[in-house]
Amino acid sequence: MNKSRLLWLGIGVALFALIAIGILVPLLRQDLEATTPQARSDAETIRKALARDEKVITLPADVDVKFSRVDDGWTAKAMVTDDDLVYLAQHHVVDRVFFKHGDVGKRGLLALSREPITSLRMFRPEIEPGALAEVAGLTGLQILSISGSPTIGDEQMLYLTGPPSLTYLDVRETGVSDKFLAHIVGIYPQLSQINLRKCKNITADGIKHLARLEKLRHLNLNNTRMDRAAVKSLAGFKHLVELELVDTGIGDEEVGLLKNLRLTILELAEDPLTDKSLDVIASMKSLRRVNLRRCKELSEAALARLRHRRSDLSVKTEADPGDRKGEIHDKQVIDLFFDVEKERERKGKTGSK
């Protein structure tokens, strides 16, 4: 009886060992493969790409960029290609996409057209000629950002023909001109916010077209050159409530042209204003916040009079906590709809006040 038990026990141990070997050997092989010089090299390349999110690092041809889910959106900080966008669309429901650096063509955008995508944000992308025509197929799109690439201009952007559902357009730091501004008025009638920061090729001739956008509420013209003619065009924007004119070179005369706008927020930091502008600002009854940081010609006495006269007006003259030496950085002027990390920083600052 004891011998029989020992026999069956031996058989059981042998079977367990065979099963364990069958499971562990593939895992060990996979682990060994992951420690090969090529695998270690690929992993290091990816690590560097993620760490240096302002640098373009080309990944090996056989390495897939994996998107990660962050704040209800899909994001990737390494170089993105059409293959990555196709893979993402095949394996996930895609509603919002953001990536820094990418080589994007028709195939990748076409793959997204089959998804319920509402937000597409691309920072410093390389775009295949004509590929932006596929954006019209993203029928539920509300937010579109193509930014940070001065070499992308009208030749590429004029391929945009929709969708008409778009409410937010960000083309900051691109080479678009007045021709593009005239173009978007006809295809994006629902636009409520436009970011043209550092778009150096736009003039008064282009800006005046935007007055036809009846739903436009927020316009960012920071770090552009605004002459008297350009600001005079803005005076016709009757529906505008937030206007950003940081470092545009406008002076007292140009501020006077804005006095009849029903603005609630006006950004004038780093502009060569004098105390005369403060009288105009005080007369703008709808205004609730004005940014006058680094307007060096303003006197403390005149600022004190403005605050006394308009106790309902928030007058900003100093840097937020965390700014280096009072400088205005990209993170402070980028729109809240874009870049998840910058959005968190802005929200944190708001909560600390």
Protein backbone atom coordinates (compact mmCIF):
# COMPACT_ATOMS: atom_id res chain seq x y z
CA MET A 1 0.00 0.00 0.00
CA ASN A 2 2.83 2.38 0.90
CA LYS A 3 4.67 1.49 -2.30
CA SER A 4 1.54 2.28 -4.34
CA ARG A 5 1.19 5.66 -2.68
CA LEU A 6 4.83 6.45 -3.30
CA LEU A 7 4.43 5.48 -6.95
CA TRP A 8 1.45 7.78 -7.48
CA LEU A 9 3.20 10.56 -5.59
CA GLY A 10 6.21 10.20 -7.87
CA ILE A 11 4.01 10.34 -10.95
CA GLY A 12 2.30 13.49 -9.62
CA VAL A 13 5.62 15.22 -8.96
CA ALA A 14 6.83 14.35 -12.46
CA LEU A 15 3.67 15.74 -14.09
CA PHE A 16 3.91 18.95 -12.04
CA ALA A 17 7.54 19.38 -13.09
CA LEU A 18 6.65 18.94 -16.77
CA ILE A 19 3.85 21.52 -16.54
CA ALA A 20 6.12 23.99 -14.72
CA ILE A 21 8.84 23.59 -17.33
CA GLY A 22 6.30 24.16 -20.11
CA ILE A 23 5.24 27.45 -18.54
CA LEU A 24 8.58 28.78 -17.35
CA VAL A 25 10.78 28.05 -20.36
CA PRO A 26 8.97 30.49 -22.73
CA LEU A 27 9.05 33.17 -20.03
CA LEU A 28 12.76 32.64 -19.43
CA ARG A 29 13.43 32.74 -23.16
CA GLN A 30 11.50 36.02 -23.46
CA ASP A 31 13.47 37.47 -20.54
CA LEU A 32 16.77 36.42 -22.11
CA GLU A 33 15.77 37.96 -25.41
CA ALA A 34 14.95 41.22 -23.60
CA THR A 35 18.51 41.36 -22.30
CA THR A 36 20.17 41.09 -25.71
CA PRO A 37 22.31 44.08 -26.76
CA GLN A 38 19.75 45.11 -29.41
CA ALA A 39 16.85 45.04 -26.93
CA ARG A 40 18.84 47.06 -24.42
CA SER A 41 19.73 49.57 -27.13
CA ASP A 42 16.10 49.94 -28.19
CA ALA A 43 14.98 50.41 -24.60
CA GLU A 44 17.61 53.09 -24.05
CA THR A 45 16.55 54.91 -27.22
CA ILE A 46 12.94 54.96 -26.05
CA ARG A 47 13.96 56.12 -22.58
CA LYS A 48 15.87 59.06 -24.06
CA ALA A 49 12.98 59.97 -26.35
CA LEU A 50 10.61 60.13 -23.40
CA ALA A 51 13.05 62.08 -21.24
CA ARG A 52 13.86 64.73 -23.86
CA ASP A 53 10.39 65.71 -24.93
CA GLU A 54 11.66 68.77 -26.79
CA LYS A 55 14.13 66.79 -28.90
CA VAL A 56 13.48 64.64 -31.95
CA ILE A 57 14.97 61.18 -31.47
CA THR A 58 14.37 58.68 -34.25
CA LEU A 59 13.48 55.23 -32.97
CA PRO A 60 14.55 51.96 -34.61
CA ALA A 61 12.34 50.99 -37.55
CA ASP A 62 10.98 47.90 -35.79
CA VAL A 63 10.01 49.67 -32.56
CA ASP A 64 6.37 50.68 -32.08
CA VAL A 65 5.56 53.87 -30.20
CA LYS A 66 3.01 53.00 -27.56
CA PHE A 67 0.40 55.61 -26.70
CA SER A 68 -0.59 55.88 -23.06
CA ARG A 69 -3.91 56.96 -21.61
CA VAL A 70 -3.61 60.26 -19.71
CA ASP A 71 -6.49 62.43 -18.50
CA ASP A 72 -9.01 60.80 -20.82
CA GLY A 73 -6.75 61.18 -23.84
CA TRP A 74 -4.06 59.25 -25.71
CA THR A 75 -0.56 60.74 -25.59
CA ALA A 76 2.90 59.84 -26.87
CA LYS A 77 6.08 61.85 -26.41
CA ALA A 78 8.28 59.86 -28.78
CA MET A 79 8.24 60.17 -32.56
CA VAL A 80 4.86 59.09 -33.96
CA THR A 81 4.26 57.65 -37.43
CA ASP A 82 1.24 56.54 -39.43
CA ASP A 83 1.84 52.98 -38.24
CA ASP A 84 1.43 54.10 -34.63
CA LEU A 85 -1.83 55.92 -35.36
CA VAL A 86 -3.18 52.94 -37.29
CA TYR A 87 -2.26 50.59 -34.44
CA LEU A 88 -3.89 52.90 -31.89
CA ALA A 89 -7.13 53.06 -33.89
CA GLN A 90 -7.19 49.28 -34.38
CA HIS A 91 -6.81 48.46 -30.69
CA HIS A 92 -8.53 51.28 -28.82
CA VAL A 93 -11.44 53.70 -28.91
CA VAL A 94 -9.75 56.99 -29.75
CA ASP A 95 -11.38 60.20 -28.56
CA ARG A 96 -8.45 62.55 -27.93
CA VAL A 97 -4.87 62.38 -29.24
CA PHE A 98 -1.80 64.44 -28.38
CA PHE A 99 1.80 63.88 -29.42
CA LYS A 100 5.04 65.82 -29.67
CA HIS A 101 6.92 65.26 -32.91
CA GLY A 102 5.69 62.93 -35.61
CA ASP A 103 5.77 62.04 -39.28
CA VAL A 104 2.09 62.10 -40.19
CA GLY A 105 0.47 61.22 -43.50
CA LYS A 106 -2.88 60.45 -45.06
CA ARG A 107 -2.93 56.85 -43.83
CA GLY A 108 -2.67 57.78 -40.15
CA LEU A 109 -5.31 60.50 -40.34
CA LEU A 110 -7.62 58.23 -42.32
CA ALA A 111 -7.38 55.61 -39.55
CA LEU A 112 -8.50 58.24 -37.03
CA SER A 113 -11.50 59.15 -39.18
CA ARG A 114 -13.17 55.91 -38.11
CA GLU A 115 -12.88 56.90 -34.43
CA PRO A 116 -15.06 59.20 -32.26
CA ILE A 117 -12.19 61.68 -32.04
CA THR A 118 -12.93 65.18 -30.70
CA SER A 119 -9.41 66.51 -30.12
CA LEU A 120 -6.23 66.18 -32.22
CA ARG A 121 -3.12 68.00 -31.04
CA MET A 122 0.21 67.75 -32.86
CA PHE A 123 3.30 69.63 -31.67
CA ARG A 124 6.17 70.07 -34.15
CA PRO A 125 4.88 67.50 -36.62
CA GLU A 126 6.21 66.68 -40.07
CA ILE A 127 3.17 66.40 -42.34
CA GLU A 128 2.97 64.62 -45.68
CA PRO A 129 1.96 67.05 -48.46
CA GLY A 130 -1.80 67.04 -48.86
CA ALA A 131 -2.40 64.87 -45.79
CA LEU A 132 -4.36 67.54 -43.92
CA ALA A 133 -7.22 67.05 -46.38
CA GLU A 134 -8.07 63.93 -44.34
CA VAL A 135 -8.84 66.07 -41.26
CA ALA A 136 -12.20 66.91 -42.84
CA GLY A 137 -13.13 63.26 -42.31
CA LEU A 138 -12.86 63.62 -38.52
CA THR A 139 -16.50 64.64 -38.41
CA GLY A 140 -16.75 65.06 -34.63
CA LEU A 141 -13.54 67.04 -34.21
CA GLN A 142 -13.81 70.12 -31.98
CA ILE A 143 -10.17 70.87 -31.13
CA LEU A 144 -7.33 70.96 -33.66
CA SER A 145 -3.77 71.98 -32.82
CA ILE A 146 -0.94 71.99 -35.36
CA SER A 147 1.76 74.00 -33.64
CA GLY A 148 5.46 74.62 -33.12
CA SER A 149 6.54 74.18 -36.77
CA PRO A 150 7.42 77.47 -38.54
CA THR A 151 8.03 75.53 -41.76
CA ILE A 152 4.36 74.52 -41.93
CA GLY A 153 2.59 77.31 -43.77
CA ASP A 154 -0.24 78.04 -46.16
CA GLU A 155 0.89 75.41 -48.67
CA GLN A 156 0.06 72.69 -46.15
CA MET A 157 -2.68 74.33 -44.11
CA LEU A 158 -4.89 75.26 -47.05
CA TYR A 159 -5.64 71.54 -47.46
CA LEU A 160 -7.84 71.86 -44.36
CA THR A 161 -11.46 71.89 -45.54
CA GLY A 162 -13.30 70.85 -42.38
CA PRO A 163 -14.96 69.58 -40.35
CA PRO A 164 -17.33 72.48 -39.65
CA SER A 165 -17.76 71.26 -36.06
CA LEU A 166 -14.36 72.72 -35.07
CA THR A 167 -14.55 75.22 -32.20
CA TYR A 168 -10.88 75.59 -31.25
CA LEU A 169 -7.95 76.09 -33.63
CA ASP A 170 -4.33 76.38 -32.51
CA VAL A 171 -1.69 77.13 -35.16
CA ARG A 172 0.78 78.95 -32.92
CA GLU A 173 4.39 79.15 -34.08
CA THR A 174 3.59 78.14 -37.65
CA GLY A 175 4.18 79.95 -40.94
CA VAL A 176 0.53 80.65 -41.79
CA SER A 177 -0.31 84.01 -43.37
CA ASP A 178 -3.31 86.23 -44.08
CA LYS A 179 -4.39 83.84 -46.83
CA PHE A 180 -4.94 81.09 -44.27
CA LEU A 181 -7.01 83.35 -42.01
CA ALA A 182 -9.31 84.20 -44.92
CA HIS A 183 -9.55 80.47 -45.67
CA ILE A 184 -10.63 79.29 -42.20
CA VAL A 185 -13.49 81.79 -41.97
CA GLY A 186 -15.29 79.89 -44.70
CA ILE A 187 -14.73 76.37 -43.38
CA TYR A 188 -14.87 76.75 -39.58
CA PRO A 189 -17.93 78.90 -38.79
CA GLN A 190 -18.19 77.53 -35.22
CA LEU A 191 -14.76 78.72 -34.08
CA SER A 192 -14.84 80.28 -30.62
CA GLN A 193 -11.10 80.27 -29.87
CA ILE A 194 -8.06 80.81 -32.09
CA ASN A 195 -4.40 80.74 -31.08
CA LEU A 196 -2.09 82.65 -33.46
CA ARG A 197 0.77 83.17 -31.04
CA LYS A 198 4.12 83.74 -32.77
CA CYS A 199 2.56 83.61 -36.23
CA LYS A 200 4.88 86.22 -37.71
CA ASN A 201 3.32 86.35 -41.18
CA ILE A 202 -0.12 87.68 -40.27
CA THR A 203 -1.08 91.34 -40.73
CA ALA A 204 -4.11 93.59 -40.42
CA ASP A 205 -5.36 92.31 -43.78
CA GLY A 206 -5.69 88.81 -42.36
CA ILE A 207 -7.02 89.73 -38.94
CA LYS A 208 -9.97 91.66 -40.35
CA HIS A 209 -11.33 88.44 -41.88
CA LEU A 210 -11.76 86.92 -38.41
CA ALA A 211 -14.37 89.54 -37.52
CA ARG A 212 -16.80 87.48 -39.61
CA LEU A 213 -16.62 84.66 -37.06
CA GLU A 214 -19.64 85.54 -34.95
CA LYS A 215 -18.87 82.92 -32.29
CA LEU A 216 -15.24 83.95 -31.77
CA ARG A 217 -14.73 84.74 -28.08
CA HIS A 218 -11.00 84.24 -27.43
CA LEU A 219 -8.16 85.38 -29.69
CA ASN A 220 -4.46 84.89 -28.88
CA LEU A 221 -2.09 87.18 -30.79
CA ASN A 222 0.78 87.04 -28.30
CA ASN A 223 4.29 87.64 -29.66
CA THR A 224 3.11 88.92 -33.04
CA ARG A 225 3.65 92.42 -34.46
CA MET A 226 0.47 94.46 -34.12
CA ASP A 227 0.52 97.87 -35.80
CA ARG A 228 -2.23 100.47 -35.62
CA ALA A 229 -4.06 99.02 -38.63
CA ALA A 230 -4.12 95.54 -37.08
CA VAL A 231 -5.48 96.79 -33.76
CA LYS A 232 -8.04 98.92 -35.56
CA SER A 233 -9.28 95.72 -37.22
CA LEU A 234 -9.73 94.19 -33.77
CA ALA A 235 -12.00 97.07 -32.77
CA GLY A 236 -14.70 95.52 -34.94
CA PHE A 237 -14.74 92.21 -33.03
CA LYS A 238 -17.95 92.91 -31.11
CA HIS A 239 -18.33 89.39 -29.69
CA LEU A 240 -14.77 89.03 -28.37
CA VAL A 241 -14.44 88.58 -24.59
CA GLU A 242 -10.77 87.56 -24.19
CA LEU A 243 -7.92 89.16 -26.13
CA GLU A 244 -4.22 88.34 -25.69
CA LEU A 245 -1.71 90.92 -26.96
CA VAL A 246 1.40 90.08 -24.93
CA ASP A 247 4.65 91.45 -26.40
CA THR A 248 3.03 92.81 -29.55
CA GLY A 249 4.55 96.29 -29.37
CA ILE A 250 1.25 98.14 -29.05
CA GLY A 251 1.17 101.46 -27.18
CA ASP A 252 -1.30 103.91 -25.71
CA GLU A 253 -2.85 104.84 -29.05
CA GLU A 254 -3.61 101.21 -29.93
CA VAL A 255 -5.08 100.49 -26.49
CA GLY A 256 -7.42 103.41 -27.03
CA LEU A 257 -8.80 101.69 -30.13
CA LEU A 258 -9.97 98.77 -27.96
CA LYS A 259 -12.00 100.79 -25.46
CA ASN A 260 -15.41 99.95 -26.94
CA LEU A 261 -14.88 96.18 -26.95
CA ARG A 262 -16.83 94.23 -24.32
CA LEU A 263 -13.78 92.34 -23.10
CA THR A 264 -13.59 90.55 -19.75
CA ILE A 265 -9.88 89.59 -20.04
CA LEU A 266 -7.13 91.65 -21.67
CA GLU A 267 -3.48 90.53 -21.79
CA LEU A 268 -1.03 93.41 -22.37
CA ALA A 269 2.13 92.16 -20.64
CA GLU A 270 5.51 93.36 -22.00
CA ASP A 271 3.96 96.12 -24.11
CA PRO A 272 5.35 99.70 -24.07
CA LEU A 273 2.36 101.29 -22.33
CA THR A 274 2.34 104.46 -20.24
CA ASP A 275 -0.02 105.69 -17.53
CA LYS A 276 -2.29 107.08 -20.24
CA SER A 277 -3.40 103.54 -21.13
CA LEU A 278 -4.63 102.97 -17.59
CA ASP A 279 -7.35 105.59 -18.03
CA VAL A 280 -8.65 103.67 -21.06
CA ILE A 281 -8.49 100.37 -19.17
CA ALA A 282 -10.43 101.89 -16.26
CA SER A 283 -13.20 102.95 -18.64
CA MET A 284 -13.72 99.41 -19.98
CA LYS A 285 -16.61 98.47 -17.66
CA SER A 286 -16.90 94.84 -18.71
CA LEU A 287 -13.20 94.16 -18.03
CA ARG A 288 -12.51 91.88 -15.06
CA ARG A 289 -8.83 91.03 -15.50
CA VAL A 290 -5.90 92.82 -17.10
CA ASN A 291 -2.31 91.61 -17.31
CA LEU A 292 0.26 94.43 -17.17
CA ARG A 293 3.34 92.50 -16.13
CA ARG A 294 6.65 93.97 -17.27
CA CYS A 295 5.05 97.10 -18.71
CA LYS A 296 8.02 99.07 -17.46
CA GLU A 297 6.76 102.60 -18.12
CA LEU A 298 3.76 102.29 -15.80
CA SER A 299 4.07 104.13 -12.50
CA GLU A 300 3.09 102.66 -9.15
CA ALA A 301 0.96 105.71 -8.42
CA ALA A 302 -1.09 105.28 -11.61
CA LEU A 303 -1.53 101.56 -10.93
CA ALA A 304 -2.73 102.34 -7.41
CA ARG A 305 -5.28 104.80 -8.81
CA LEU A 306 -6.53 102.15 -11.25
CA ARG A 307 -7.00 99.61 -8.47
CA HIS A 308 -8.81 102.15 -6.32
CA ARG A 309 -11.06 103.26 -9.17
CA ARG A 310 -11.86 99.72 -10.29
CA SER A 311 -12.02 97.48 -7.24
CA ASP A 312 -13.81 94.88 -9.39
CA LEU A 313 -10.82 94.62 -11.75
CA SER A 314 -7.94 92.19 -11.16
CA VAL A 315 -4.76 94.03 -12.18
CA LYS A 316 -1.78 91.72 -12.62
CA THR A 317 1.63 93.36 -12.45
CA GLU A 318 3.84 90.68 -10.91
CA ALA A 319 4.86 87.17 -11.90
CA ASP A 320 3.09 84.05 -10.69
CA PRO A 321 4.89 81.90 -8.10
CA GLY A 322 7.37 79.67 -9.90
CA ASP A 323 8.22 82.08 -12.72
CA ARG A 324 11.95 82.62 -13.05
CA LYS A 325 12.76 86.30 -12.40
CA GLY A 326 9.35 87.41 -13.57
CA GLU A 327 9.82 86.16 -17.12
CA ILE A 328 6.80 85.13 -19.15
CA HIS A 329 7.21 81.59 -20.44
CA ASP A 330 5.37 79.47 -22.97
CA LYS A 331 3.60 77.58 -20.19
CA GLN A 332 1.80 80.74 -19.09
CA VAL A 333 0.34 81.66 -22.45
CA ILE A 334 -0.43 78.27 -23.98
CA ASP A 335 -4.14 77.59 -24.15
CA LEU A 336 -5.81 75.46 -21.47
CA PHE A 337 -7.25 73.10 -24.09
CA PHE A 338 -3.75 71.95 -25.04
CA ASP A 339 -0.80 70.12 -23.50
CA VAL A 340 -1.89 68.14 -20.44
CA GLU A 341 1.22 68.92 -18.41
CA LYS A 342 0.94 72.67 -18.93
CA GLU A 343 -2.77 72.56 -18.11
CA ARG A 344 -1.99 70.97 -14.75
CA GLU A 345 0.57 73.65 -14.00
CA ARG A 346 -1.86 76.47 -14.77
CA LYS A 347 -4.57 74.89 -12.61
CA GLY A 348 -2.11 74.51 -9.76
CA LYS A 349 -1.22 78.17 -9.91
CA THR A 350 -4.87 79.20 -9.94
CA GLY A 351 -5.55 77.14 -6.84
CA SER A 352 -2.64 78.70 -4.94
CA LYS A 353 -3.84 82.27 -5.33
